Protein backbone atom coordinates (compact mmCIF):
# COMPACT_ATOMS: atom_id res chain seq x y z
CA MET A 1 0.04 0.11 -0.08
CA ASN A 2 1.70 3.08 -0.83
CA ASN A 3 1.87 5.52 1.81
CA ILE A 4 -0.04 9.07 1.25
CA ASN A 5 2.00 11.94 1.78
CA SER A 6 1.01 14.14 4.53
CA SER A 7 2.70 17.34 3.11
CA THR A 8 0.69 17.15 -0.15
CA ASP A 9 -0.24 20.63 -1.07
CA TRP A 10 -4.21 20.68 -1.68
CA LEU A 11 -5.70 22.96 -4.00
CA PHE A 12 -8.98 23.77 -1.48
CA GLU A 13 -9.07 22.84 1.58
CA ILE A 14 -12.39 23.32 3.71
CA LYS A 15 -12.63 23.74 6.93
CA PRO A 16 -14.81 25.98 9.94
CA LYS A 17 -13.77 29.31 10.33
CA ASN A 18 -12.23 29.97 13.44
CA LYS A 19 -12.59 33.97 13.29
CA PHE A 20 -15.86 35.52 14.19
CA LEU A 21 -14.84 39.34 13.04
CA SER A 22 -13.21 38.10 9.78
CA LEU A 23 -13.73 40.01 6.65
CA ASN A 24 -11.81 38.33 4.36
CA LEU A 25 -11.01 40.34 1.59
CA LYS A 26 -9.11 37.70 -0.36
CA GLU A 27 -11.65 35.65 -0.43
CA ILE A 28 -14.22 38.39 -1.27
CA TRP A 29 -12.03 39.01 -4.46
CA GLN A 30 -11.97 35.73 -5.27
CA TYR A 31 -15.20 35.39 -5.65
CA ARG A 32 -15.68 39.25 -7.48
CA ASP A 33 -17.31 37.74 -10.44
CA LEU A 34 -20.46 36.40 -8.04
CA LEU A 35 -20.36 39.50 -6.50
CA LEU A 36 -20.65 41.37 -10.11
CA LEU A 37 -23.35 38.72 -11.03
CA PHE A 38 -25.37 39.63 -7.82
CA VAL A 39 -25.08 43.19 -8.48
CA LYS A 40 -26.53 42.84 -12.10
CA ARG A 41 -29.35 40.91 -10.55
CA ASP A 42 -30.45 43.30 -8.20
CA VAL A 43 -30.38 46.00 -10.45
CA ILE A 44 -32.01 44.58 -13.62
CA THR A 45 -34.28 42.20 -12.00
CA VAL A 46 -36.04 44.25 -9.28
CA TYR A 47 -38.11 46.24 -11.80
CA LYS A 48 -38.44 44.08 -14.72
CA GLN A 49 -41.83 42.74 -14.61
CA THR A 50 -43.25 46.40 -13.77
CA VAL A 51 -44.85 48.77 -16.01
CA LEU A 52 -42.74 51.79 -15.72
CA GLY A 53 -39.59 50.06 -14.87
CA PRO A 54 -36.49 51.65 -13.94
CA LEU A 55 -38.19 54.86 -13.80
CA TRP A 56 -39.42 54.15 -10.34
CA TYR A 57 -35.64 55.23 -9.41
CA LEU A 58 -37.00 58.89 -10.17
CA ILE A 59 -40.62 58.36 -9.35
CA GLN A 60 -39.94 58.19 -5.90
CA PRO A 61 -37.52 60.77 -4.61
CA LEU A 62 -39.60 63.15 -6.90
CA PHE A 63 -43.02 62.10 -5.38
CA THR A 64 -41.82 62.27 -2.06
CA SER A 65 -40.04 65.48 -2.62
CA ILE A 66 -43.23 67.02 -3.45
CA THR A 67 -45.29 65.83 -0.86
CA PHE A 68 -42.48 66.86 1.99
CA THR A 69 -42.38 70.53 0.31
CA ILE A 70 -46.51 70.37 0.15
CA ILE A 71 -46.65 69.27 3.75
CA PHE A 72 -43.62 70.71 5.54
CA ASN A 73 -43.01 74.02 3.58
CA ASN A 74 -46.10 75.04 2.41
CA VAL A 75 -48.25 74.01 5.66
CA ALA A 76 -46.10 73.75 7.99
CA GLY A 77 -43.78 76.92 7.08
CA ILE A 78 -40.67 75.67 7.61
CA LYS A 79 -38.26 77.85 5.38
CA THR A 80 -35.33 77.32 3.48
CA GLY A 81 -33.71 80.47 2.45
CA SER A 82 -32.74 81.35 -0.97
CA VAL A 83 -32.97 77.66 -2.02
CA PRO A 84 -36.36 76.24 -3.00
CA PRO A 85 -38.10 74.03 -1.28
CA PHE A 86 -38.26 71.31 -3.41
CA LEU A 87 -34.55 71.30 -4.22
CA PHE A 88 -33.79 71.45 -0.47
CA ASN A 89 -35.91 68.33 0.52
CA LEU A 90 -34.56 66.65 -2.53
CA ALA A 91 -30.99 66.34 -1.60
CA GLY A 92 -32.00 65.02 1.61
CA ILE A 93 -33.95 62.26 0.01
CA THR A 94 -31.81 61.70 -2.02
CA VAL A 95 -28.79 60.68 0.03
CA TRP A 96 -31.16 59.35 2.59
CA ASN A 97 -32.66 56.80 0.11
CA TYR A 98 -29.59 55.03 -0.41
CA PHE A 99 -29.26 54.62 3.95
CA THR A 100 -32.45 53.19 3.40
CA ALA A 101 -32.18 51.02 0.36
CA CYS A 102 -28.96 49.22 1.75
CA LEU A 103 -30.39 49.03 4.99
CA SER A 104 -34.03 47.38 4.20
CA GLY A 105 -32.18 44.91 1.22
CA THR A 106 -29.69 43.60 3.92
CA SER A 107 -31.62 43.40 6.91
CA ASP A 108 -33.41 40.11 5.11
CA THR A 109 -29.91 38.19 4.05
CA PHE A 110 -30.44 35.05 5.47
CA ARG A 111 -34.15 34.56 4.95
CA ALA A 112 -34.46 35.53 1.50
CA ASN A 113 -31.57 33.25 0.22
CA ALA A 114 -31.58 30.39 2.49
CA ASN A 115 -32.33 28.27 -0.51
CA ILE A 116 -28.89 29.50 -2.51
CA PHE A 117 -27.17 29.05 0.85
CA GLY A 118 -27.95 25.94 1.51
CA LYS A 119 -26.92 24.56 -1.55
CA VAL A 120 -23.48 26.44 -2.35
CA TYR A 121 -20.88 27.90 -0.71
CA PHE A 122 -19.47 31.19 -1.35
CA PRO A 123 -18.70 34.18 1.34
CA ARG A 124 -21.88 34.73 2.62
CA ILE A 125 -21.45 38.53 3.42
CA ILE A 126 -21.23 38.94 -0.71
CA THR A 127 -25.25 39.11 -0.64
CA PRO A 128 -25.18 42.06 1.67
CA LEU A 129 -22.80 43.76 -0.17
CA SER A 130 -23.74 43.34 -3.51
CA VAL A 131 -27.08 45.04 -2.35
CA VAL A 132 -24.90 47.85 -1.22
CA LEU A 133 -23.29 48.17 -4.49
CA SER A 134 -26.49 47.95 -6.41
CA ASN A 135 -27.98 50.75 -4.66
CA LEU A 136 -24.54 52.74 -5.44
CA ILE A 137 -26.00 52.59 -8.97
CA LYS A 138 -29.56 53.22 -8.28
CA PHE A 139 -28.02 56.49 -6.01
CA GLY A 140 -26.23 57.89 -9.01
CA ILE A 141 -29.40 57.77 -11.26
CA GLN A 142 -31.21 59.36 -8.50
CA PHE A 143 -28.33 61.90 -7.87
CA LEU A 144 -28.50 62.89 -11.38
CA ILE A 145 -32.07 64.11 -10.96
CA PHE A 146 -31.02 66.34 -7.90
CA VAL A 147 -28.16 67.69 -10.57
CA ILE A 148 -30.99 68.63 -13.47
CA PHE A 149 -33.04 70.37 -11.32
CA PHE A 150 -29.82 72.25 -9.35
CA ILE A 151 -29.06 73.19 -13.01
CA PHE A 152 -32.65 74.19 -13.42
CA TYR A 153 -33.27 76.85 -10.31
CA TYR A 154 -29.80 78.22 -11.07
CA PHE A 155 -30.69 79.42 -14.07
CA LYS A 156 -34.23 80.17 -13.10
CA GLY A 157 -32.30 82.74 -10.87
CA TYR A 158 -32.35 81.55 -7.56
CA ASN A 159 -29.14 82.09 -5.28
CA LEU A 160 -27.82 78.73 -5.53
CA SER A 161 -24.08 77.92 -4.87
CA ILE A 162 -21.90 74.60 -4.32
CA ASN A 163 -19.67 74.56 -1.28
CA PRO A 164 -15.95 73.84 -2.38
CA ALA A 165 -16.50 71.11 0.51
CA VAL A 166 -18.66 68.99 -2.04
CA LEU A 167 -14.92 67.09 -2.94
CA PHE A 168 -15.89 65.27 0.37
CA PHE A 169 -18.95 64.35 -0.69
CA PRO A 170 -18.44 60.91 -1.63
CA PHE A 171 -16.73 60.07 1.66
CA LEU A 172 -20.29 60.63 3.21
CA ILE A 173 -22.09 58.18 0.93
CA ILE A 174 -19.37 55.89 2.13
CA ILE A 175 -20.34 56.32 5.60
CA MET A 176 -24.35 55.83 4.72
CA GLY A 177 -23.24 52.61 2.87
CA ILE A 178 -21.41 51.06 5.53
CA LEU A 179 -23.71 51.93 8.12
CA GLY A 180 -26.68 50.50 6.23
CA LEU A 181 -24.61 47.24 5.98
CA GLY A 182 -23.75 47.08 9.64
CA LEU A 183 -26.88 47.28 10.64
CA GLY A 184 -28.68 45.38 7.96
CA MET A 185 -26.35 42.49 9.25
CA LEU A 186 -27.43 42.89 12.57
CA ILE A 187 -31.07 43.03 11.68
CA SER A 188 -30.59 40.12 9.38
CA SER A 189 -28.91 37.91 12.18
CA MET A 190 -31.44 38.81 14.33
CA VAL A 191 -34.68 38.17 12.06
CA THR A 192 -33.55 34.64 11.56
CA LYS A 193 -34.69 33.36 15.26
CA TYR A 194 -37.24 36.97 15.93
CA ARG A 195 -39.45 36.93 12.48
CA ASP A 196 -40.69 40.35 14.84
CA PHE A 197 -38.26 42.30 13.23
CA SER A 198 -38.57 42.10 9.94
CA HIS A 199 -42.27 43.81 10.68
CA LEU A 200 -40.77 46.53 12.32
CA ILE A 201 -38.03 47.79 9.64
CA GLY A 202 -40.68 49.21 7.45
CA PHE A 203 -41.77 51.31 10.97
CA GLY A 204 -38.48 52.00 11.99
CA ILE A 205 -36.99 53.36 9.03
CA GLN A 206 -39.99 55.56 8.65
CA LEU A 207 -39.40 56.67 12.52
CA LEU A 208 -35.81 57.18 11.81
CA MET A 209 -36.35 59.52 9.06
CA TYR A 210 -38.28 61.86 11.17
CA LEU A 211 -35.40 62.00 13.61
CA SER A 212 -32.74 62.31 11.06
CA ALA A 213 -33.42 66.06 9.47
CA VAL A 214 -34.16 65.04 6.41
CA MET A 215 -36.74 67.58 5.73
CA TYR A 216 -35.73 70.10 8.14
CA PRO A 217 -32.81 72.06 9.19
CA MET A 218 -31.29 70.91 12.30
CA GLU A 219 -31.02 74.10 13.62
CA LEU A 220 -34.84 74.21 13.53
CA VAL A 221 -35.32 71.70 16.07
CA LYS A 222 -32.55 73.33 18.17
CA SER A 223 -34.61 76.58 18.46
CA LYS A 224 -37.99 75.48 18.41
CA LEU A 225 -37.94 72.33 20.20
CA PRO A 226 -34.79 72.64 23.21
CA SER A 227 -36.26 69.88 25.20
CA TYR A 228 -35.86 67.76 22.34
CA GLY A 229 -33.51 68.43 19.94
CA TRP A 230 -30.85 66.25 21.78
CA ILE A 231 -33.02 63.69 20.29
CA VAL A 232 -31.85 64.52 16.80
CA GLU A 233 -28.61 65.76 17.83
CA TYR A 234 -27.17 62.40 19.33
CA ASN A 235 -28.18 60.71 15.54
CA PRO A 236 -25.72 60.25 13.52
CA LEU A 237 -27.38 60.26 10.19
CA ALA A 238 -28.65 63.59 10.78
CA TYR A 239 -25.02 65.17 10.63
CA VAL A 240 -24.69 63.41 7.07
CA ILE A 241 -27.62 64.81 5.82
CA GLU A 242 -27.28 68.40 7.28
CA THR A 243 -23.35 68.05 5.71
CA SER A 244 -24.53 66.54 2.51
CA ARG A 245 -27.10 69.61 2.23
CA TYR A 246 -24.35 72.08 3.02
CA MET A 247 -22.11 70.82 0.41
CA LEU A 248 -24.31 70.53 -2.51
CA ILE A 249 -26.84 73.39 -1.82
CA ASN A 250 -24.63 75.73 0.41
CA VAL A 251 -26.82 75.50 3.18
CA GLY A 252 -27.00 74.51 7.39
CA GLU A 253 -23.40 74.12 8.98
CA VAL A 254 -21.21 71.44 9.67
CA SER A 255 -20.49 70.13 13.33
CA ILE A 256 -16.89 68.26 12.95
CA LEU A 257 -17.37 66.57 16.40
CA GLY A 258 -20.68 65.23 14.90
CA LEU A 259 -19.12 63.63 11.66
CA VAL A 260 -16.20 62.29 14.12
CA ASN A 261 -18.93 60.41 16.14
CA THR A 262 -20.82 60.13 13.40
CA VAL A 263 -17.58 57.53 11.98
CA LEU A 264 -16.69 56.33 15.28
CA VAL A 265 -20.69 55.10 15.33
CA THR A 266 -20.62 53.25 11.55
CA VAL A 267 -17.57 51.38 12.63
CA VAL A 268 -18.76 50.32 15.95
CA ILE A 269 -22.00 49.17 14.46
CA PHE A 270 -20.03 47.64 11.11
CA PHE A 271 -17.77 45.54 12.74
CA ILE A 272 -20.55 44.24 15.72
CA GLY A 273 -22.92 43.49 12.90
CA LEU A 274 -20.06 41.80 10.85
CA LEU A 275 -19.20 39.97 14.15
CA ILE A 276 -22.60 38.73 14.70
CA PHE A 277 -23.39 38.16 11.16
CA ASN A 278 -19.97 35.59 10.85
CA LYS A 279 -21.52 33.79 14.05
CA THR A 280 -24.92 33.43 12.57
CA GLU A 281 -23.96 32.25 9.37
CA LYS A 282 -22.30 29.19 10.86
CA SER A 283 -25.81 27.75 12.12
CA PHE A 284 -28.68 30.01 10.58
CA ILE A 285 -30.16 26.93 8.44
CA ASP A 286 -31.05 25.46 11.38
CA THR A 287 -33.52 28.30 12.37
CA VAL A 288 -34.92 29.78 8.84
């Protein structure tokens, strides 16, 4: 009988993961083709059998901005200075939509992909990561609509300007994507055991929007509701929305301390979400 050399170099070696907090970028890069395939699937198939198709990318922010303009600016009388209320709302909604799309798309990862996860191996984090990347394409389309309306109002005679700090705007989008990914992985892991969380996501996102200064300046809450202003002041999303408007339409103010806290909160939430996500993927198939 021939002896098998114990030092044989295997092409692939399947073994359990020992590290809970492991992103394993090398393995994700090896499966980059699958990642791109998932991104293409998310972008094309979502509205493939709808009447309006990709136009839904444009309809949702436009109608939401119109609704906010009527209710909060015309009825409630919230002032936006020299910036048209519609453009003010569209700037906040465009950034906010990217976060909510990432959060809602990743928060059902395990349950929505249970059939795939149970049949073939690939890095599970590719699935929520593909949601974040595909929504980045959708964000680009919606941001283009904002640019078109900005140019329209500018040539109509409104006093509009872009702050030079807009060069750092992609950094804010990255923060939104990472924060949405971290919260999504955390919620997705909890949904495998507690199904109630899936019913609370929509309500939670809606409530969080009103606490994130999407349709009003942060200063307004501090001045009119000083007793409750701390709720918005301690919300990291509010600083991203406020800073985005400062960069895009040059209104509001930037809090460096608030942005630093936002980055710290984002990093902490992401790694907590990653830790629980990696732990859940080992046994979720028994609970889903």
